[in-house]
Amino acid sequence: MHPALSLLLWGLAVVAVQAPTGWPLAALATALLVLALLLAPARSGRLLRRSRFLLLAIAVLFAGFTPGKRLWLEPAWLPLTEEGVMLAAIHLARLLAVIALVAVLLQRLPRGDLVLAIAVLATPLRWIGGDPDRLAVRLALVLDLVADREATDWRHWLDAPTPEQVPACIELRQRGFGWRDGVALAAVMILVVLWQIGSA
């Protein structure tokens, strides 16, 4: 499958996980997390660890600061509401699902293919004077620097890169679309249209 199509399908999956609520969302998020831990255990663990404060902030803000019916009256300093806990659970499940999708994408799509996919999908920028190739080159530089500093503390990301860390040239690989990509894209478009009709 062409990397641009893979990235497009990934984007549609990220949008799709925002729709369900309740038990379907819980089941979907759990399934995606299990899948990510199986396909990309190290990357999934790293992303979850780096997102722990964001997850905690979402839980506290929604569960503790959403008006509604309190779960219990005592202690007074713990103003958890039923509506807040429900909202926190929904947003946490959606974020965990997206983290799982990101882990799988980065694991299955090499950096070169990811850069190519973004360059292809950004082609419409040419219509308004943009340069998708320049965007792809800058993205490649960022991904290379992040990969070099992935094992270091985040504070080192603020340091200016050394000349050795900046590559002398960036290679953008080209890859054409095949007939299988056309069939997959047509199937996705049909599914999107059916979903829109069903939700109308």
N, C-alpha and C. Protein backbone atom coordinates (compact mmCIF):
# COMPACT_ATOMS: atom_id res chain seq x y z
N MET A 1 0.84 -1.18 0.00
CA MET A 1 0.00 0.00 0.00
C MET A 1 0.89 1.24 0.00
N HIS A 2 0.49 2.25 -0.77
CA HIS A 2 1.26 3.49 -0.83
C HIS A 2 1.25 4.18 0.54
N PRO A 3 2.40 4.76 0.95
CA PRO A 3 2.44 5.41 2.26
C PRO A 3 1.41 6.52 2.43
N ALA A 4 1.13 7.27 1.35
CA ALA A 4 0.13 8.34 1.45
C ALA A 4 -1.25 7.77 1.76
N LEU A 5 -1.58 6.63 1.16
CA LEU A 5 -2.86 6.00 1.44
C LEU A 5 -2.90 5.47 2.87
N SER A 6 -1.78 4.91 3.32
CA SER A 6 -1.71 4.43 4.71
C SER A 6 -1.92 5.58 5.69
N LEU A 7 -1.29 6.73 5.42
CA LEU A 7 -1.46 7.88 6.30
C LEU A 7 -2.88 8.43 6.24
N LEU A 8 -3.48 8.40 5.05
CA LEU A 8 -4.87 8.85 4.92
C LEU A 8 -5.81 7.94 5.71
N LEU A 9 -5.60 6.62 5.61
CA LEU A 9 -6.43 5.69 6.38
C LEU A 9 -6.23 5.89 7.87
N TRP A 10 -5.00 6.17 8.27
CA TRP A 10 -4.73 6.43 9.68
C TRP A 10 -5.48 7.68 10.15
N GLY A 11 -5.47 8.73 9.33
CA GLY A 11 -6.21 9.94 9.69
C GLY A 11 -7.70 9.69 9.81
N LEU A 12 -8.24 8.89 8.91
CA LEU A 12 -9.66 8.55 8.99
C LEU A 12 -9.96 7.74 10.25
N ALA A 13 -9.02 6.86 10.63
CA ALA A 13 -9.21 6.07 11.85
C ALA A 13 -9.21 6.97 13.08
N VAL A 14 -8.33 7.99 13.09
CA VAL A 14 -8.29 8.93 14.21
C VAL A 14 -9.61 9.69 14.31
N VAL A 15 -10.17 10.08 13.16
CA VAL A 15 -11.46 10.76 13.17
C VAL A 15 -12.57 9.81 13.62
N ALA A 16 -12.50 8.55 13.17
CA ALA A 16 -13.56 7.59 13.48
C ALA A 16 -13.64 7.27 14.97
N VAL A 17 -12.51 7.25 15.66
CA VAL A 17 -12.55 6.90 17.09
C VAL A 17 -13.17 8.00 17.93
N GLN A 18 -13.41 9.18 17.33
CA GLN A 18 -14.06 10.25 18.08
C GLN A 18 -15.58 10.10 18.13
N ALA A 19 -16.12 9.19 17.31
CA ALA A 19 -17.58 9.07 17.21
C ALA A 19 -18.21 8.23 18.31
N PRO A 20 -17.71 7.03 18.61
CA PRO A 20 -18.42 6.20 19.58
C PRO A 20 -18.28 6.71 21.01
N THR A 21 -19.20 6.31 21.85
CA THR A 21 -19.17 6.62 23.27
C THR A 21 -19.56 5.36 24.04
N GLY A 22 -19.47 5.44 25.35
CA GLY A 22 -19.90 4.34 26.19
C GLY A 22 -19.07 3.08 26.01
N TRP A 23 -19.75 1.94 26.10
CA TRP A 23 -19.06 0.65 26.01
C TRP A 23 -18.42 0.41 24.66
N PRO A 24 -19.04 0.82 23.53
CA PRO A 24 -18.33 0.65 22.25
C PRO A 24 -16.99 1.37 22.22
N LEU A 25 -16.93 2.59 22.78
CA LEU A 25 -15.67 3.32 22.83
C LEU A 25 -14.67 2.61 23.74
N ALA A 26 -15.13 2.12 24.87
CA ALA A 26 -14.23 1.41 25.79
C ALA A 26 -13.66 0.16 25.13
N ALA A 27 -14.50 -0.59 24.43
CA ALA A 27 -14.04 -1.80 23.75
C ALA A 27 -13.06 -1.45 22.64
N LEU A 28 -13.36 -0.39 21.87
CA LEU A 28 -12.48 0.01 20.78
C LEU A 28 -11.12 0.47 21.30
N ALA A 29 -11.13 1.31 22.33
CA ALA A 29 -9.87 1.79 22.89
C ALA A 29 -9.04 0.65 23.46
N THR A 30 -9.69 -0.29 24.14
CA THR A 30 -8.98 -1.44 24.69
C THR A 30 -8.37 -2.30 23.58
N ALA A 31 -9.15 -2.53 22.52
CA ALA A 31 -8.65 -3.34 21.40
C ALA A 31 -7.46 -2.66 20.73
N LEU A 32 -7.53 -1.34 20.54
CA LEU A 32 -6.42 -0.62 19.90
C LEU A 32 -5.18 -0.62 20.79
N LEU A 33 -5.37 -0.49 22.09
CA LEU A 33 -4.22 -0.52 23.00
C LEU A 33 -3.55 -1.89 22.99
N VAL A 34 -4.36 -2.94 23.01
CA VAL A 34 -3.80 -4.30 22.95
C VAL A 34 -3.06 -4.51 21.64
N LEU A 35 -3.66 -4.05 20.54
CA LEU A 35 -3.01 -4.17 19.24
C LEU A 35 -1.69 -3.42 19.20
N ALA A 36 -1.68 -2.20 19.75
CA ALA A 36 -0.45 -1.42 19.77
C ALA A 36 0.63 -2.06 20.63
N LEU A 37 0.23 -2.61 21.76
CA LEU A 37 1.20 -3.26 22.64
C LEU A 37 1.76 -4.54 22.01
N LEU A 38 0.98 -5.16 21.13
CA LEU A 38 1.47 -6.35 20.44
C LEU A 38 2.38 -6.00 19.27
N LEU A 39 2.00 -4.98 18.49
CA LEU A 39 2.75 -4.62 17.30
C LEU A 39 3.92 -3.69 17.59
N ALA A 40 3.77 -2.83 18.58
CA ALA A 40 4.83 -1.86 18.89
C ALA A 40 4.94 -1.68 20.39
N PRO A 41 5.39 -2.71 21.12
CA PRO A 41 5.39 -2.62 22.59
C PRO A 41 6.28 -1.52 23.14
N ALA A 42 7.50 -1.40 22.62
CA ALA A 42 8.42 -0.38 23.15
C ALA A 42 7.92 1.02 22.85
N ARG A 43 7.49 1.26 21.62
CA ARG A 43 7.02 2.59 21.25
C ARG A 43 5.73 2.95 21.98
N SER A 44 4.83 1.98 22.14
CA SER A 44 3.59 2.23 22.85
C SER A 44 3.87 2.60 24.30
N GLY A 45 4.73 1.84 24.94
CA GLY A 45 5.07 2.15 26.32
C GLY A 45 5.70 3.52 26.47
N ARG A 46 6.57 3.89 25.52
CA ARG A 46 7.21 5.19 25.57
C ARG A 46 6.20 6.32 25.39
N LEU A 47 5.27 6.16 24.45
CA LEU A 47 4.26 7.20 24.23
C LEU A 47 3.32 7.33 25.42
N LEU A 48 2.93 6.20 26.00
CA LEU A 48 2.06 6.26 27.17
C LEU A 48 2.77 6.90 28.35
N ARG A 49 4.04 6.59 28.52
CA ARG A 49 4.79 7.19 29.63
C ARG A 49 4.92 8.70 29.45
N ARG A 50 5.16 9.14 28.23
CA ARG A 50 5.31 10.56 27.98
C ARG A 50 3.97 11.30 28.05
N SER A 51 2.88 10.58 27.92
CA SER A 51 1.55 11.22 27.95
C SER A 51 0.89 11.13 29.31
N ARG A 52 1.59 10.63 30.32
CA ARG A 52 0.94 10.36 31.60
C ARG A 52 0.43 11.64 32.26
N PHE A 53 1.17 12.75 32.14
CA PHE A 53 0.71 13.99 32.78
C PHE A 53 -0.48 14.58 32.03
N LEU A 54 -0.52 14.43 30.71
CA LEU A 54 -1.67 14.87 29.94
C LEU A 54 -2.90 14.06 30.30
N LEU A 55 -2.72 12.74 30.44
CA LEU A 55 -3.84 11.89 30.84
C LEU A 55 -4.34 12.26 32.23
N LEU A 56 -3.41 12.52 33.14
CA LEU A 56 -3.80 12.91 34.50
C LEU A 56 -4.52 14.25 34.50
N ALA A 57 -4.04 15.20 33.70
CA ALA A 57 -4.70 16.51 33.64
C ALA A 57 -6.11 16.40 33.11
N ILE A 58 -6.31 15.57 32.08
CA ILE A 58 -7.66 15.38 31.53
C ILE A 58 -8.58 14.77 32.58
N ALA A 59 -8.08 13.77 33.31
CA ALA A 59 -8.91 13.12 34.33
C ALA A 59 -9.30 14.11 35.42
N VAL A 60 -8.35 14.91 35.88
CA VAL A 60 -8.63 15.84 36.98
C VAL A 60 -9.56 16.96 36.53
N LEU A 61 -9.29 17.54 35.36
CA LEU A 61 -10.08 18.68 34.91
C LEU A 61 -11.53 18.29 34.63
N PHE A 62 -11.74 17.18 33.95
CA PHE A 62 -13.11 16.79 33.61
C PHE A 62 -13.84 16.21 34.81
N ALA A 63 -13.19 15.33 35.57
CA ALA A 63 -13.87 14.67 36.68
C ALA A 63 -14.13 15.61 37.84
N GLY A 64 -13.22 16.55 38.08
CA GLY A 64 -13.34 17.40 39.26
C GLY A 64 -13.94 18.76 39.02
N PHE A 65 -14.02 19.22 37.76
CA PHE A 65 -14.46 20.59 37.51
C PHE A 65 -15.65 20.66 36.55
N THR A 66 -16.33 19.54 36.34
CA THR A 66 -17.54 19.54 35.51
C THR A 66 -18.76 19.60 36.41
N PRO A 67 -19.63 20.60 36.20
CA PRO A 67 -20.84 20.68 37.04
C PRO A 67 -21.73 19.45 36.83
N GLY A 68 -22.44 19.09 37.88
CA GLY A 68 -23.34 17.95 37.79
C GLY A 68 -23.64 17.37 39.15
N LYS A 69 -24.17 16.18 39.15
CA LYS A 69 -24.54 15.49 40.38
C LYS A 69 -23.30 14.87 41.01
N ARG A 70 -23.04 15.21 42.25
CA ARG A 70 -21.85 14.70 42.92
C ARG A 70 -21.98 13.21 43.20
N LEU A 71 -20.84 12.52 43.07
CA LEU A 71 -20.84 11.09 43.35
C LEU A 71 -21.04 10.83 44.83
N TRP A 72 -20.41 11.64 45.66
CA TRP A 72 -20.59 11.55 47.11
C TRP A 72 -20.35 12.93 47.72
N LEU A 73 -20.97 13.16 48.85
CA LEU A 73 -20.89 14.47 49.49
C LEU A 73 -19.61 14.65 50.30
N GLU A 74 -19.08 13.58 50.82
CA GLU A 74 -17.86 13.64 51.63
C GLU A 74 -16.76 12.81 50.97
N PRO A 75 -15.52 13.27 51.01
CA PRO A 75 -15.07 14.56 51.56
C PRO A 75 -15.41 15.71 50.62
N ALA A 76 -15.59 16.89 51.22
CA ALA A 76 -16.03 18.05 50.45
C ALA A 76 -14.97 18.53 49.47
N TRP A 77 -13.70 18.22 49.76
CA TRP A 77 -12.62 18.71 48.88
C TRP A 77 -12.47 17.85 47.62
N LEU A 78 -13.28 16.79 47.50
CA LEU A 78 -13.21 15.93 46.32
C LEU A 78 -14.54 16.02 45.56
N PRO A 79 -14.70 17.09 44.76
CA PRO A 79 -16.00 17.34 44.11
C PRO A 79 -16.18 16.58 42.80
N LEU A 80 -16.14 15.26 42.87
CA LEU A 80 -16.34 14.46 41.67
C LEU A 80 -17.82 14.40 41.33
N THR A 81 -18.14 14.56 40.05
CA THR A 81 -19.52 14.49 39.59
C THR A 81 -19.67 13.33 38.61
N GLU A 82 -20.90 12.83 38.51
CA GLU A 82 -21.16 11.73 37.58
C GLU A 82 -20.88 12.16 36.15
N GLU A 83 -21.34 13.37 35.80
CA GLU A 83 -21.12 13.87 34.44
C GLU A 83 -19.62 14.06 34.18
N GLY A 84 -18.88 14.55 35.19
CA GLY A 84 -17.46 14.77 35.01
C GLY A 84 -16.69 13.47 34.83
N VAL A 85 -17.02 12.46 35.63
CA VAL A 85 -16.34 11.17 35.50
C VAL A 85 -16.64 10.55 34.14
N MET A 86 -17.87 10.70 33.67
CA MET A 86 -18.23 10.16 32.36
C MET A 86 -17.45 10.86 31.24
N LEU A 87 -17.38 12.21 31.32
CA LEU A 87 -16.63 12.96 30.31
C LEU A 87 -15.14 12.62 30.36
N ALA A 88 -14.61 12.48 31.57
CA ALA A 88 -13.20 12.13 31.70
C ALA A 88 -12.92 10.77 31.09
N ALA A 89 -13.81 9.81 31.34
CA ALA A 89 -13.62 8.47 30.78
C ALA A 89 -13.67 8.50 29.26
N ILE A 90 -14.60 9.27 28.70
CA ILE A 90 -14.72 9.35 27.23
C ILE A 90 -13.47 9.95 26.62
N HIS A 91 -13.00 11.08 27.16
CA HIS A 91 -11.84 11.75 26.58
C HIS A 91 -10.56 10.95 26.81
N LEU A 92 -10.45 10.28 27.94
CA LEU A 92 -9.28 9.44 28.17
C LEU A 92 -9.25 8.27 27.20
N ALA A 93 -10.42 7.66 26.98
CA ALA A 93 -10.47 6.53 26.04
C ALA A 93 -10.12 6.98 24.63
N ARG A 94 -10.61 8.13 24.23
CA ARG A 94 -10.29 8.63 22.88
C ARG A 94 -8.81 8.95 22.75
N LEU A 95 -8.24 9.57 23.77
CA LEU A 95 -6.81 9.89 23.70
C LEU A 95 -5.97 8.63 23.69
N LEU A 96 -6.32 7.64 24.50
CA LEU A 96 -5.57 6.38 24.50
C LEU A 96 -5.68 5.68 23.15
N ALA A 97 -6.85 5.76 22.52
CA ALA A 97 -7.01 5.16 21.20
C ALA A 97 -6.11 5.85 20.18
N VAL A 98 -6.04 7.18 20.25
CA VAL A 98 -5.18 7.93 19.33
C VAL A 98 -3.71 7.61 19.58
N ILE A 99 -3.31 7.51 20.84
CA ILE A 99 -1.93 7.16 21.16
C ILE A 99 -1.58 5.79 20.59
N ALA A 100 -2.50 4.86 20.71
CA ALA A 100 -2.27 3.53 20.15
C ALA A 100 -2.13 3.59 18.63
N LEU A 101 -2.96 4.38 17.98
CA LEU A 101 -2.87 4.53 16.52
C LEU A 101 -1.56 5.17 16.11
N VAL A 102 -1.10 6.16 16.87
CA VAL A 102 0.18 6.80 16.57
C VAL A 102 1.32 5.81 16.70
N ALA A 103 1.29 5.00 17.76
CA ALA A 103 2.35 4.02 17.96
C ALA A 103 2.41 3.02 16.81
N VAL A 104 1.25 2.54 16.37
CA VAL A 104 1.22 1.59 15.26
C VAL A 104 1.71 2.24 13.97
N LEU A 105 1.28 3.48 13.73
CA LEU A 105 1.70 4.18 12.52
C LEU A 105 3.21 4.35 12.47
N LEU A 106 3.79 4.84 13.56
CA LEU A 106 5.24 5.08 13.58
C LEU A 106 6.02 3.77 13.52
N GLN A 107 5.43 2.70 14.02
CA GLN A 107 6.12 1.41 13.99
C GLN A 107 6.07 0.79 12.59
N ARG A 108 4.94 0.91 11.91
CA ARG A 108 4.76 0.23 10.64
C ARG A 108 5.18 1.07 9.44
N LEU A 109 5.30 2.39 9.62
CA LEU A 109 5.64 3.27 8.51
C LEU A 109 6.99 3.92 8.79
N PRO A 110 8.04 3.53 8.06
CA PRO A 110 9.36 4.12 8.27
C PRO A 110 9.34 5.63 8.06
N ARG A 111 10.36 6.31 8.59
CA ARG A 111 10.38 7.77 8.51
C ARG A 111 10.38 8.24 7.06
N GLY A 112 11.12 7.55 6.19
CA GLY A 112 11.14 7.95 4.79
C GLY A 112 9.78 7.86 4.15
N ASP A 113 9.05 6.79 4.43
CA ASP A 113 7.70 6.64 3.87
C ASP A 113 6.73 7.66 4.47
N LEU A 114 6.91 7.98 5.76
CA LEU A 114 6.05 8.96 6.40
C LEU A 114 6.26 10.33 5.77
N VAL A 115 7.51 10.69 5.51
CA VAL A 115 7.80 11.97 4.87
C VAL A 115 7.20 12.01 3.46
N LEU A 116 7.35 10.90 2.72
CA LEU A 116 6.77 10.82 1.38
C LEU A 116 5.25 10.96 1.44
N ALA A 117 4.62 10.32 2.40
CA ALA A 117 3.17 10.38 2.52
C ALA A 117 2.70 11.80 2.77
N ILE A 118 3.38 12.52 3.67
CA ILE A 118 2.99 13.90 3.97
C ILE A 118 3.22 14.79 2.76
N ALA A 119 4.31 14.55 2.03
CA ALA A 119 4.58 15.35 0.83
C ALA A 119 3.50 15.14 -0.22
N VAL A 120 3.05 13.90 -0.39
CA VAL A 120 2.00 13.62 -1.38
C VAL A 120 0.68 14.23 -0.95
N LEU A 121 0.31 14.04 0.33
CA LEU A 121 -0.97 14.58 0.80
C LEU A 121 -0.98 16.10 0.85
N ALA A 122 0.22 16.71 0.93
CA ALA A 122 0.31 18.17 0.97
C ALA A 122 0.41 18.78 -0.42
N THR A 123 0.31 17.97 -1.46
CA THR A 123 0.41 18.48 -2.83
C THR A 123 -0.58 19.60 -3.12
N PRO A 124 -1.83 19.55 -2.61
CA PRO A 124 -2.75 20.68 -2.87
C PRO A 124 -2.24 22.04 -2.40
N LEU A 125 -1.21 22.07 -1.53
CA LEU A 125 -0.67 23.36 -1.10
C LEU A 125 -0.08 24.14 -2.27
N ARG A 126 0.28 23.45 -3.33
CA ARG A 126 0.80 24.15 -4.51
C ARG A 126 -0.24 25.10 -5.09
N TRP A 127 -1.51 24.80 -4.89
CA TRP A 127 -2.56 25.65 -5.46
C TRP A 127 -2.60 27.02 -4.80
N ILE A 128 -2.08 27.12 -3.56
CA ILE A 128 -2.08 28.41 -2.86
C ILE A 128 -0.66 28.92 -2.67
N GLY A 129 0.26 28.40 -3.50
CA GLY A 129 1.63 28.90 -3.45
C GLY A 129 2.54 28.19 -2.46
N GLY A 130 2.09 27.11 -1.84
CA GLY A 130 2.91 26.37 -0.90
C GLY A 130 3.89 25.45 -1.60
N ASP A 131 4.80 24.90 -0.83
CA ASP A 131 5.83 24.00 -1.36
C ASP A 131 5.84 22.73 -0.53
N PRO A 132 5.13 21.69 -0.96
CA PRO A 132 5.09 20.44 -0.17
C PRO A 132 6.45 19.77 -0.06
N ASP A 133 7.33 19.94 -1.04
CA ASP A 133 8.66 19.34 -0.95
C ASP A 133 9.47 19.96 0.17
N ARG A 134 9.38 21.28 0.30
CA ARG A 134 10.09 21.96 1.41
C ARG A 134 9.52 21.51 2.75
N LEU A 135 8.20 21.36 2.82
CA LEU A 135 7.57 20.86 4.05
C LEU A 135 8.10 19.47 4.38
N ALA A 136 8.22 18.61 3.36
CA ALA A 136 8.69 17.25 3.58
C ALA A 136 10.14 17.25 4.07
N VAL A 137 10.97 18.12 3.48
CA VAL A 137 12.38 18.19 3.90
C VAL A 137 12.49 18.64 5.36
N ARG A 138 11.73 19.65 5.72
CA ARG A 138 11.78 20.13 7.11
C ARG A 138 11.27 19.07 8.07
N LEU A 139 10.23 18.35 7.67
CA LEU A 139 9.73 17.26 8.51
C LEU A 139 10.78 16.17 8.67
N ALA A 140 11.49 15.85 7.59
CA ALA A 140 12.53 14.83 7.67
C ALA A 140 13.63 15.25 8.64
N LEU A 141 14.01 16.53 8.61
CA LEU A 141 15.03 17.03 9.55
C LEU A 141 14.55 16.91 10.99
N VAL A 142 13.29 17.28 11.22
CA VAL A 142 12.74 17.20 12.59
C VAL A 142 12.70 15.76 13.07
N LEU A 143 12.24 14.85 12.22
CA LEU A 143 12.15 13.44 12.61
C LEU A 143 13.53 12.86 12.88
N ASP A 144 14.52 13.24 12.09
CA ASP A 144 15.88 12.75 12.33
C ASP A 144 16.42 13.24 13.66
N LEU A 145 16.19 14.53 13.96
CA LEU A 145 16.69 15.08 15.23
C LEU A 145 15.96 14.46 16.42
N VAL A 146 14.65 14.25 16.28
CA VAL A 146 13.90 13.62 17.37
C VAL A 146 14.37 12.20 17.58
N ALA A 147 14.63 11.47 16.50
CA ALA A 147 15.11 10.09 16.63
C ALA A 147 16.47 10.05 17.30
N ASP A 148 17.33 11.02 16.99
CA ASP A 148 18.65 11.04 17.62
C ASP A 148 18.57 11.33 19.11
N ARG A 149 17.56 12.09 19.52
CA ARG A 149 17.47 12.50 20.93
C ARG A 149 16.37 11.76 21.66
N GLU A 150 15.84 10.71 21.06
CA GLU A 150 14.69 10.01 21.64
C GLU A 150 15.00 9.42 23.00
N ALA A 151 16.23 8.95 23.18
CA ALA A 151 16.60 8.30 24.44
C ALA A 151 17.09 9.28 25.49
N THR A 152 17.17 10.58 25.15
CA THR A 152 17.68 11.57 26.09
C THR A 152 16.53 12.27 26.79
N ASP A 153 16.89 13.06 27.80
CA ASP A 153 15.88 13.83 28.52
C ASP A 153 15.32 14.91 27.60
N TRP A 154 14.05 15.26 27.79
CA TRP A 154 13.40 16.21 26.90
C TRP A 154 14.06 17.58 26.92
N ARG A 155 14.76 17.92 28.01
CA ARG A 155 15.41 19.23 28.09
C ARG A 155 16.50 19.38 27.04
N HIS A 156 17.10 18.26 26.64
CA HIS A 156 18.14 18.32 25.62
C HIS A 156 17.57 18.64 24.24
N TRP A 157 16.25 18.50 24.08
CA TRP A 157 15.64 18.85 22.80
C TRP A 157 15.73 20.36 22.54
N LEU A 158 15.89 21.14 23.62
CA LEU A 158 15.97 22.59 23.48
C LEU A 158 17.36 23.05 23.03
N ASP A 159 18.34 22.14 23.10
CA ASP A 159 19.69 22.50 22.68
C ASP A 159 19.76 22.60 21.16
N ALA A 160 20.60 23.51 20.69
CA ALA A 160 20.79 23.65 19.24
C ALA A 160 21.50 22.41 18.71
N PRO A 161 21.08 21.89 17.55
CA PRO A 161 21.74 20.71 16.99
C PRO A 161 23.17 21.01 16.58
N THR A 162 24.02 20.04 16.75
CA THR A 162 25.41 20.16 16.33
C THR A 162 25.51 19.93 14.83
N PRO A 163 26.59 20.38 14.19
CA PRO A 163 26.74 20.15 12.75
C PRO A 163 26.70 18.67 12.38
N GLU A 164 27.16 17.80 13.29
CA GLU A 164 27.15 16.37 12.99
C GLU A 164 25.73 15.82 12.96
N GLN A 165 24.80 16.47 13.66
CA GLN A 165 23.43 15.98 13.72
C GLN A 165 22.59 16.43 12.53
N VAL A 166 23.07 17.39 11.78
CA VAL A 166 22.34 17.90 10.62
C VAL A 166 22.87 17.21 9.37
N PRO A 167 22.05 16.43 8.67
CA PRO A 167 22.53 15.72 7.49
C PRO A 167 22.90 16.68 6.37
N ALA A 168 23.86 16.27 5.56
CA ALA A 168 24.29 17.12 4.44
C ALA A 168 23.23 17.18 3.35
N CYS A 169 22.46 16.12 3.19
CA CYS A 169 21.42 16.11 2.16
C CYS A 169 20.25 15.26 2.66
N ILE A 170 19.07 15.54 2.12
CA ILE A 170 17.85 14.82 2.45
C ILE A 170 17.34 14.15 1.18
N GLU A 171 17.10 12.86 1.26
CA GLU A 171 16.62 12.11 0.10
C GLU A 171 15.12 11.87 0.26
N LEU A 172 14.36 12.33 -0.73
CA LEU A 172 12.93 12.10 -0.75
C LEU A 172 12.64 11.01 -1.77
N ARG A 173 12.25 9.86 -1.27
CA ARG A 173 11.95 8.75 -2.16
C ARG A 173 10.60 8.94 -2.84
N GLN A 174 10.52 8.55 -4.09
CA GLN A 174 9.28 8.62 -4.84
C GLN A 174 8.72 7.22 -5.03
N ARG A 175 7.41 7.15 -5.04
CA ARG A 175 6.75 5.86 -5.21
C ARG A 175 5.39 6.09 -5.85
N GLY A 176 5.12 5.37 -6.92
CA GLY A 176 3.86 5.55 -7.62
C GLY A 176 2.72 4.76 -7.00
N PHE A 177 1.51 5.16 -7.35
CA PHE A 177 0.32 4.46 -6.88
C PHE A 177 0.06 3.26 -7.79
N GLY A 178 -0.33 2.15 -7.20
CA GLY A 178 -0.69 0.94 -7.94
C GLY A 178 -2.19 0.76 -8.01
N TRP A 179 -2.60 -0.26 -8.74
CA TRP A 179 -4.04 -0.49 -8.88
C TRP A 179 -4.67 -0.92 -7.56
N ARG A 180 -3.87 -1.60 -6.71
CA ARG A 180 -4.41 -1.98 -5.40
C ARG A 180 -4.72 -0.75 -4.55
N ASP A 181 -3.86 0.27 -4.70
CA ASP A 181 -4.12 1.51 -3.96
C ASP A 181 -5.41 2.16 -4.43
N GLY A 182 -5.66 2.12 -5.76
CA GLY A 182 -6.91 2.67 -6.28
C GLY A 182 -8.12 1.93 -5.76
N VAL A 183 -8.03 0.60 -5.71
CA VAL A 183 -9.15 -0.19 -5.20
C VAL A 183 -9.39 0.11 -3.72
N ALA A 184 -8.31 0.19 -2.94
CA ALA A 184 -8.44 0.49 -1.52
C ALA A 184 -9.03 1.88 -1.30
N LEU A 185 -8.58 2.86 -2.09
CA LEU A 185 -9.11 4.22 -1.95
C LEU A 185 -10.59 4.27 -2.31
N ALA A 186 -10.98 3.56 -3.38
CA ALA A 186 -12.39 3.52 -3.76
C ALA A 186 -13.24 2.89 -2.67
N ALA A 187 -12.73 1.81 -2.07
CA ALA A 187 -13.46 1.15 -0.99
C ALA A 187 -13.62 2.07 0.22
N VAL A 188 -12.56 2.82 0.53
CA VAL A 188 -12.64 3.76 1.66
C VAL A 188 -13.65 4.85 1.37
N MET A 189 -13.65 5.38 0.16
CA MET A 189 -14.61 6.43 -0.20
C MET A 189 -16.04 5.92 -0.11
N ILE A 190 -16.27 4.69 -0.52
CA ILE A 190 -17.61 4.11 -0.43
C ILE A 190 -18.03 3.96 1.03
N LEU A 191 -17.11 3.50 1.87
CA LEU A 191 -17.43 3.35 3.29
C LEU A 191 -17.72 4.70 3.94
N VAL A 192 -16.96 5.73 3.56
CA VAL A 192 -17.20 7.07 4.12
C VAL A 192 -18.57 7.58 3.70
N VAL A 193 -18.92 7.39 2.44
CA VAL A 193 -20.24 7.83 1.96
C VAL A 193 -21.35 7.08 2.68
N LEU A 194 -21.20 5.77 2.84
CA LEU A 194 -22.22 4.98 3.54
C LEU A 194 -22.34 5.42 4.99
N TRP A 195 -21.21 5.74 5.61
CA TRP A 195 -21.23 6.18 7.01
C TRP A 195 -21.95 7.52 7.13
N GLN A 196 -21.69 8.42 6.17
CA GLN A 196 -22.36 9.72 6.19
C GLN A 196 -23.86 9.56 5.99
N ILE A 197 -24.23 8.65 5.09
CA ILE A 197 -25.66 8.41 4.85
C ILE A 197 -26.33 7.81 6.09
N GLY A 198 -25.60 6.88 6.74
CA GLY A 198 -26.18 6.25 7.92
C GLY A 198 -26.30 7.19 9.10
N SER A 199 -25.39 8.17 9.21
CA SER A 199 -25.44 9.11 10.33
C SER A 199 -26.33 10.31 10.05
N ALA A 200 -26.82 10.44 8.80
CA ALA A 200 -27.67 11.58 8.44
C ALA A 200 -29.08 11.42 9.02
